[in-house]
Amino acid sequence: MSKLITNWPWNWVRRLTRLGRLACGLWIITKDEVGRIMRRRVKPRFWGFMIAVTLIVFLASFMVMRVRYGYGARQLAQAQSEKNALAAEADVLKKQLDYAQTDEYVMRVARDELNMIMPGEIRYVNGSR
């Protein structure tokens, strides 16, 4: 025979199962009924479902990481090509700067842009200009 349980946490039983909600409507619940309410067996299909959900989550996170890796690799390649282009441009500018510091450059600019001549030279003017 089962004993009657007089002081039972009814809210907890009510949340546990539908049977608990039905039993809480009654004023008296037996120990066997409480055992039946509290004892829930996990079926194998639940574990299969949990494994499937876990695999889906891991595969989704793996795919997201692969996409992020590919995006980062593309950004790195683009940055490397920009770096190489800027390095080539810097080399050209450095050569121009080195040439601008020579006497030959100073003489060329003085003759072409400032229309200056060296002492003892004769200037010829083209009539079509």
N, C-alpha and C. Protein backbone atom coordinates (compact mmCIF):
# COMPACT_ATOMS: atom_id res chain seq x y z
N MET A 1 0.83 -1.17 0.00
CA MET A 1 0.00 0.00 0.00
C MET A 1 0.88 1.24 0.00
N SER A 2 0.35 2.26 -0.53
CA SER A 2 1.10 3.49 -0.56
C SER A 2 0.57 4.46 0.48
N LYS A 3 1.48 5.28 0.95
CA LYS A 3 1.11 6.28 1.94
C LYS A 3 0.64 7.54 1.24
N LEU A 4 -0.13 8.33 1.92
CA LEU A 4 -0.57 9.60 1.37
C LEU A 4 0.48 10.67 1.65
N ILE A 5 0.70 11.52 0.68
CA ILE A 5 1.64 12.61 0.85
C ILE A 5 0.80 13.87 1.08
N THR A 6 0.99 14.47 2.20
CA THR A 6 0.17 15.64 2.52
C THR A 6 0.85 16.94 2.13
N ASN A 7 2.14 17.10 2.40
CA ASN A 7 2.85 18.34 2.08
C ASN A 7 3.79 18.10 0.90
N TRP A 8 3.32 18.33 -0.26
CA TRP A 8 4.11 18.11 -1.47
C TRP A 8 4.24 19.45 -2.19
N PRO A 9 5.41 19.76 -2.78
CA PRO A 9 5.55 21.04 -3.50
C PRO A 9 4.72 21.01 -4.78
N TRP A 10 3.51 21.49 -4.71
CA TRP A 10 2.55 21.34 -5.82
C TRP A 10 3.00 22.07 -7.08
N ASN A 11 3.61 23.20 -6.93
CA ASN A 11 4.06 23.91 -8.14
C ASN A 11 5.09 23.13 -8.91
N TRP A 12 5.97 22.45 -8.20
CA TRP A 12 7.00 21.66 -8.87
C TRP A 12 6.38 20.49 -9.62
N VAL A 13 5.43 19.82 -8.99
CA VAL A 13 4.75 18.70 -9.64
C VAL A 13 3.95 19.22 -10.82
N ARG A 14 3.35 20.37 -10.68
CA ARG A 14 2.53 20.94 -11.75
C ARG A 14 3.39 21.22 -12.98
N ARG A 15 4.61 21.71 -12.76
CA ARG A 15 5.49 22.00 -13.89
C ARG A 15 6.08 20.74 -14.50
N LEU A 16 6.14 19.68 -13.76
CA LEU A 16 6.83 18.47 -14.21
C LEU A 16 6.15 17.85 -15.43
N THR A 17 4.89 17.53 -15.34
CA THR A 17 4.21 16.88 -16.46
C THR A 17 2.74 17.26 -16.48
N ARG A 18 2.07 16.82 -17.54
CA ARG A 18 0.63 17.05 -17.60
C ARG A 18 -0.09 16.23 -16.54
N LEU A 19 0.44 15.04 -16.30
CA LEU A 19 -0.16 14.19 -15.26
C LEU A 19 -0.05 14.89 -13.91
N GLY A 20 1.06 15.57 -13.70
CA GLY A 20 1.23 16.32 -12.46
C GLY A 20 0.21 17.44 -12.37
N ARG A 21 -0.08 18.08 -13.51
CA ARG A 21 -1.09 19.14 -13.49
C ARG A 21 -2.46 18.57 -13.15
N LEU A 22 -2.73 17.38 -13.70
CA LEU A 22 -4.01 16.76 -13.38
C LEU A 22 -4.06 16.33 -11.92
N ALA A 23 -2.94 15.81 -11.43
CA ALA A 23 -2.91 15.33 -10.06
C ALA A 23 -3.01 16.49 -9.07
N CYS A 24 -2.49 17.65 -9.44
CA CYS A 24 -2.55 18.80 -8.54
C CYS A 24 -3.96 19.33 -8.40
N GLY A 25 -4.82 18.99 -9.34
CA GLY A 25 -6.21 19.38 -9.20
C GLY A 25 -6.88 18.65 -8.05
N LEU A 26 -6.36 17.48 -7.72
CA LEU A 26 -6.89 16.71 -6.59
C LEU A 26 -6.20 17.17 -5.32
N TRP A 27 -6.83 16.95 -4.20
CA TRP A 27 -6.22 17.37 -2.94
C TRP A 27 -5.29 16.32 -2.37
N ILE A 28 -5.45 15.09 -2.77
CA ILE A 28 -4.63 14.01 -2.23
C ILE A 28 -3.96 13.29 -3.39
N ILE A 29 -2.64 13.05 -3.26
CA ILE A 29 -1.89 12.31 -4.28
C ILE A 29 -1.10 11.23 -3.57
N THR A 30 -1.04 10.06 -4.14
CA THR A 30 -0.36 8.95 -3.48
C THR A 30 1.10 8.92 -3.88
N LYS A 31 1.89 8.16 -3.12
CA LYS A 31 3.32 8.07 -3.38
C LYS A 31 3.59 7.38 -4.71
N ASP A 32 2.80 6.39 -5.07
CA ASP A 32 2.98 5.71 -6.36
C ASP A 32 2.73 6.66 -7.53
N GLU A 33 1.74 7.51 -7.40
CA GLU A 33 1.45 8.46 -8.46
C GLU A 33 2.57 9.48 -8.60
N VAL A 34 3.15 9.90 -7.47
CA VAL A 34 4.28 10.82 -7.52
C VAL A 34 5.46 10.15 -8.21
N GLY A 35 5.72 8.89 -7.89
CA GLY A 35 6.80 8.15 -8.54
C GLY A 35 6.57 8.04 -10.03
N ARG A 36 5.32 7.82 -10.44
CA ARG A 36 5.00 7.74 -11.85
C ARG A 36 5.19 9.11 -12.53
N ILE A 37 4.87 10.17 -11.82
CA ILE A 37 5.04 11.51 -12.37
C ILE A 37 6.52 11.86 -12.50
N MET A 38 7.30 11.53 -11.46
CA MET A 38 8.70 11.92 -11.43
C MET A 38 9.59 11.06 -12.32
N ARG A 39 9.18 9.83 -12.58
CA ARG A 39 10.02 8.92 -13.35
C ARG A 39 9.74 9.10 -14.83
N ARG A 40 10.69 9.67 -15.53
CA ARG A 40 10.57 9.89 -16.98
C ARG A 40 11.76 9.19 -17.63
N ARG A 41 11.50 8.31 -18.52
CA ARG A 41 12.58 7.61 -19.22
C ARG A 41 12.89 8.35 -20.51
N VAL A 42 14.17 8.43 -20.82
CA VAL A 42 14.61 9.06 -22.05
C VAL A 42 14.68 7.98 -23.11
N LYS A 43 14.00 8.21 -24.22
CA LYS A 43 13.93 7.21 -25.28
C LYS A 43 15.14 7.35 -26.20
N PRO A 44 15.51 6.27 -26.87
CA PRO A 44 16.68 6.32 -27.76
C PRO A 44 16.54 7.35 -28.89
N ARG A 45 15.34 7.59 -29.36
CA ARG A 45 15.19 8.56 -30.43
C ARG A 45 15.52 9.97 -29.95
N PHE A 46 15.37 10.24 -28.66
CA PHE A 46 15.79 11.53 -28.11
C PHE A 46 17.29 11.71 -28.25
N TRP A 47 18.06 10.64 -27.93
CA TRP A 47 19.51 10.73 -28.06
C TRP A 47 19.92 10.88 -29.52
N GLY A 48 19.21 10.20 -30.41
CA GLY A 48 19.49 10.36 -31.85
C GLY A 48 19.23 11.79 -32.29
N PHE A 49 18.13 12.36 -31.80
CA PHE A 49 17.81 13.75 -32.12
C PHE A 49 18.88 14.69 -31.58
N MET A 50 19.33 14.46 -30.34
CA MET A 50 20.35 15.32 -29.75
C MET A 50 21.67 15.21 -30.51
N ILE A 51 22.05 14.02 -30.94
CA ILE A 51 23.27 13.84 -31.72
C ILE A 51 23.15 14.55 -33.06
N ALA A 52 21.97 14.43 -33.70
CA ALA A 52 21.76 15.11 -34.98
C ALA A 52 21.84 16.62 -34.82
N VAL A 53 21.24 17.16 -33.80
CA VAL A 53 21.29 18.61 -33.56
C VAL A 53 22.73 19.06 -33.30
N THR A 54 23.46 18.28 -32.50
CA THR A 54 24.85 18.62 -32.21
C THR A 54 25.69 18.61 -33.48
N LEU A 55 25.51 17.60 -34.32
CA LEU A 55 26.25 17.53 -35.58
C LEU A 55 25.91 18.71 -36.49
N ILE A 56 24.64 19.06 -36.55
CA ILE A 56 24.23 20.19 -37.39
C ILE A 56 24.88 21.48 -36.89
N VAL A 57 24.90 21.67 -35.58
CA VAL A 57 25.51 22.88 -35.01
C VAL A 57 27.00 22.92 -35.32
N PHE A 58 27.69 21.79 -35.13
CA PHE A 58 29.13 21.76 -35.42
C PHE A 58 29.41 21.98 -36.90
N LEU A 59 28.62 21.35 -37.78
CA LEU A 59 28.84 21.54 -39.21
C LEU A 59 28.57 22.98 -39.63
N ALA A 60 27.53 23.58 -39.07
CA ALA A 60 27.23 24.98 -39.40
C ALA A 60 28.37 25.89 -38.94
N SER A 61 28.87 25.67 -37.73
CA SER A 61 29.96 26.52 -37.25
C SER A 61 31.23 26.28 -38.08
N PHE A 62 31.47 25.05 -38.50
CA PHE A 62 32.62 24.75 -39.34
C PHE A 62 32.51 25.48 -40.68
N MET A 63 31.33 25.47 -41.27
CA MET A 63 31.14 26.14 -42.56
C MET A 63 31.30 27.66 -42.41
N VAL A 64 30.80 28.21 -41.33
CA VAL A 64 30.95 29.65 -41.10
C VAL A 64 32.43 30.00 -40.97
N MET A 65 33.19 29.19 -40.25
CA MET A 65 34.61 29.46 -40.09
C MET A 65 35.36 29.34 -41.42
N ARG A 66 34.95 28.38 -42.26
CA ARG A 66 35.60 28.25 -43.58
C ARG A 66 35.32 29.47 -44.44
N VAL A 67 34.09 29.98 -44.39
CA VAL A 67 33.74 31.17 -45.17
C VAL A 67 34.55 32.36 -44.67
N ARG A 68 34.66 32.52 -43.35
CA ARG A 68 35.43 33.62 -42.79
C ARG A 68 36.91 33.50 -43.16
N TYR A 69 37.44 32.28 -43.14
CA TYR A 69 38.84 32.06 -43.52
C TYR A 69 39.06 32.44 -44.98
N GLY A 70 38.15 32.03 -45.85
CA GLY A 70 38.27 32.38 -47.27
C GLY A 70 38.21 33.87 -47.50
N TYR A 71 37.31 34.54 -46.78
CA TYR A 71 37.20 35.99 -46.89
C TYR A 71 38.49 36.66 -46.42
N GLY A 72 39.05 36.19 -45.31
CA GLY A 72 40.30 36.75 -44.81
C GLY A 72 41.45 36.50 -45.76
N ALA A 73 41.48 35.32 -46.38
CA ALA A 73 42.55 35.01 -47.34
C ALA A 73 42.45 35.93 -48.56
N ARG A 74 41.22 36.19 -49.03
CA ARG A 74 41.06 37.10 -50.17
C ARG A 74 41.49 38.51 -49.80
N GLN A 75 41.14 38.97 -48.61
CA GLN A 75 41.56 40.30 -48.17
C GLN A 75 43.07 40.38 -48.06
N LEU A 76 43.71 39.32 -47.57
CA LEU A 76 45.16 39.30 -47.44
C LEU A 76 45.82 39.38 -48.82
N ALA A 77 45.30 38.62 -49.78
CA ALA A 77 45.88 38.65 -51.13
C ALA A 77 45.72 40.03 -51.75
N GLN A 78 44.56 40.66 -51.54
CA GLN A 78 44.34 42.00 -52.08
C GLN A 78 45.30 43.00 -51.42
N ALA A 79 45.48 42.89 -50.12
CA ALA A 79 46.39 43.80 -49.42
C ALA A 79 47.83 43.60 -49.89
N GLN A 80 48.23 42.35 -50.14
CA GLN A 80 49.58 42.08 -50.63
C GLN A 80 49.79 42.71 -52.01
N SER A 81 48.79 42.59 -52.90
CA SER A 81 48.94 43.18 -54.24
C SER A 81 49.01 44.71 -54.15
N GLU A 82 48.19 45.30 -53.26
CA GLU A 82 48.26 46.75 -53.08
C GLU A 82 49.63 47.16 -52.52
N LYS A 83 50.15 46.36 -51.61
CA LYS A 83 51.47 46.65 -51.03
C LYS A 83 52.54 46.60 -52.11
N ASN A 84 52.48 45.59 -52.98
CA ASN A 84 53.47 45.49 -54.05
C ASN A 84 53.37 46.66 -55.02
N ALA A 85 52.13 47.09 -55.34
CA ALA A 85 51.95 48.22 -56.24
C ALA A 85 52.51 49.50 -55.61
N LEU A 86 52.24 49.70 -54.32
CA LEU A 86 52.76 50.89 -53.65
C LEU A 86 54.28 50.86 -53.52
N ALA A 87 54.85 49.67 -53.32
CA ALA A 87 56.31 49.56 -53.25
C ALA A 87 56.94 49.90 -54.60
N ALA A 88 56.32 49.47 -55.71
CA ALA A 88 56.84 49.80 -57.04
C ALA A 88 56.74 51.31 -57.28
N GLU A 89 55.62 51.91 -56.87
CA GLU A 89 55.46 53.36 -57.03
C GLU A 89 56.49 54.11 -56.18
N ALA A 90 56.76 53.61 -54.98
CA ALA A 90 57.76 54.25 -54.12
C ALA A 90 59.15 54.17 -54.74
N ASP A 91 59.46 53.04 -55.40
CA ASP A 91 60.75 52.92 -56.08
C ASP A 91 60.89 53.94 -57.21
N VAL A 92 59.81 54.11 -57.98
CA VAL A 92 59.85 55.09 -59.08
C VAL A 92 60.05 56.49 -58.52
N LEU A 93 59.33 56.83 -57.46
CA LEU A 93 59.47 58.16 -56.86
C LEU A 93 60.87 58.37 -56.28
N LYS A 94 61.44 57.31 -55.69
CA LYS A 94 62.80 57.43 -55.15
C LYS A 94 63.81 57.68 -56.26
N LYS A 95 63.63 57.02 -57.41
CA LYS A 95 64.53 57.26 -58.55
C LYS A 95 64.39 58.69 -59.07
N GLN A 96 63.12 59.18 -59.11
CA GLN A 96 62.91 60.55 -59.55
C GLN A 96 63.56 61.54 -58.57
N LEU A 97 63.47 61.27 -57.28
CA LEU A 97 64.08 62.14 -56.28
C LEU A 97 65.59 62.13 -56.41
N ASP A 98 66.17 60.95 -56.61
CA ASP A 98 67.62 60.87 -56.79
C ASP A 98 68.07 61.64 -58.04
N TYR A 99 67.29 61.53 -59.11
CA TYR A 99 67.63 62.25 -60.34
C TYR A 99 67.47 63.77 -60.14
N ALA A 100 66.45 64.17 -59.36
CA ALA A 100 66.22 65.60 -59.14
C ALA A 100 67.34 66.24 -58.34
N GLN A 101 68.15 65.47 -57.66
CA GLN A 101 69.23 66.03 -56.87
C GLN A 101 70.56 66.07 -57.62
N THR A 102 70.54 65.73 -58.90
CA THR A 102 71.78 65.77 -59.69
C THR A 102 71.90 67.10 -60.43
N ASP A 103 73.13 67.42 -60.86
CA ASP A 103 73.37 68.65 -61.62
C ASP A 103 72.73 68.59 -63.01
N GLU A 104 72.69 67.42 -63.58
CA GLU A 104 72.08 67.24 -64.91
C GLU A 104 70.61 67.67 -64.90
N TYR A 105 69.88 67.31 -63.86
CA TYR A 105 68.47 67.69 -63.75
C TYR A 105 68.33 69.20 -63.60
N VAL A 106 69.19 69.79 -62.78
CA VAL A 106 69.13 71.23 -62.56
C VAL A 106 69.38 71.97 -63.88
N MET A 107 70.32 71.53 -64.66
CA MET A 107 70.62 72.16 -65.95
C MET A 107 69.46 71.99 -66.92
N ARG A 108 68.87 70.80 -66.95
CA ARG A 108 67.75 70.55 -67.88
C ARG A 108 66.56 71.43 -67.53
N VAL A 109 66.22 71.54 -66.26
CA VAL A 109 65.10 72.37 -65.84
C VAL A 109 65.39 73.84 -66.15
N ALA A 110 66.63 74.28 -65.92
CA ALA A 110 66.98 75.68 -66.19
C ALA A 110 66.86 75.98 -67.67
N ARG A 111 67.29 75.08 -68.54
CA ARG A 111 67.22 75.32 -69.98
C ARG A 111 65.79 75.23 -70.51
N ASP A 112 65.06 74.15 -70.12
CA ASP A 112 63.74 73.89 -70.72
C ASP A 112 62.64 74.75 -70.12
N GLU A 113 62.59 74.87 -68.83
CA GLU A 113 61.45 75.53 -68.20
C GLU A 113 61.72 77.01 -67.90
N LEU A 114 62.97 77.35 -67.60
CA LEU A 114 63.27 78.74 -67.23
C LEU A 114 63.91 79.51 -68.37
N ASN A 115 64.16 78.83 -69.51
CA ASN A 115 64.76 79.46 -70.70
C ASN A 115 66.09 80.15 -70.38
N MET A 116 66.92 79.53 -69.62
CA MET A 116 68.23 80.07 -69.28
C MET A 116 69.28 79.40 -70.17
N ILE A 117 70.41 80.10 -70.37
CA ILE A 117 71.52 79.55 -71.15
C ILE A 117 72.80 79.71 -70.35
N MET A 118 73.77 78.90 -70.68
CA MET A 118 75.08 78.97 -70.03
C MET A 118 75.86 80.15 -70.61
N PRO A 119 76.79 80.71 -69.85
CA PRO A 119 77.61 81.81 -70.40
C PRO A 119 78.40 81.32 -71.61
N GLY A 120 78.41 82.12 -72.63
CA GLY A 120 79.15 81.80 -73.85
C GLY A 120 78.31 81.06 -74.88
N GLU A 121 77.07 80.67 -74.57
CA GLU A 121 76.21 79.98 -75.54
C GLU A 121 75.38 80.99 -76.30
N ILE A 122 75.01 80.63 -77.49
CA ILE A 122 74.18 81.51 -78.34
C ILE A 122 72.80 80.90 -78.39
N ARG A 123 71.80 81.73 -78.23
CA ARG A 123 70.42 81.25 -78.23
C ARG A 123 69.83 81.47 -79.61
N TYR A 124 69.24 80.43 -80.15
CA TYR A 124 68.57 80.50 -81.45
C TYR A 124 67.07 80.44 -81.17
N VAL A 125 66.33 81.31 -81.81
CA VAL A 125 64.89 81.38 -81.63
C VAL A 125 64.24 80.93 -82.93
N ASN A 126 63.30 80.06 -82.81
CA ASN A 126 62.56 79.56 -83.95
C ASN A 126 61.47 80.56 -84.29
N GLY A 127 61.30 80.91 -85.52
CA GLY A 127 60.34 81.93 -85.91
C GLY A 127 58.90 81.47 -85.82
N SER A 128 58.67 80.19 -85.81
CA SER A 128 57.29 79.70 -85.77
C SER A 128 56.68 79.78 -84.37
N ARG A 129 57.49 79.97 -83.39
CA ARG A 129 56.99 80.03 -82.01
C ARG A 129 56.39 81.33 -81.71
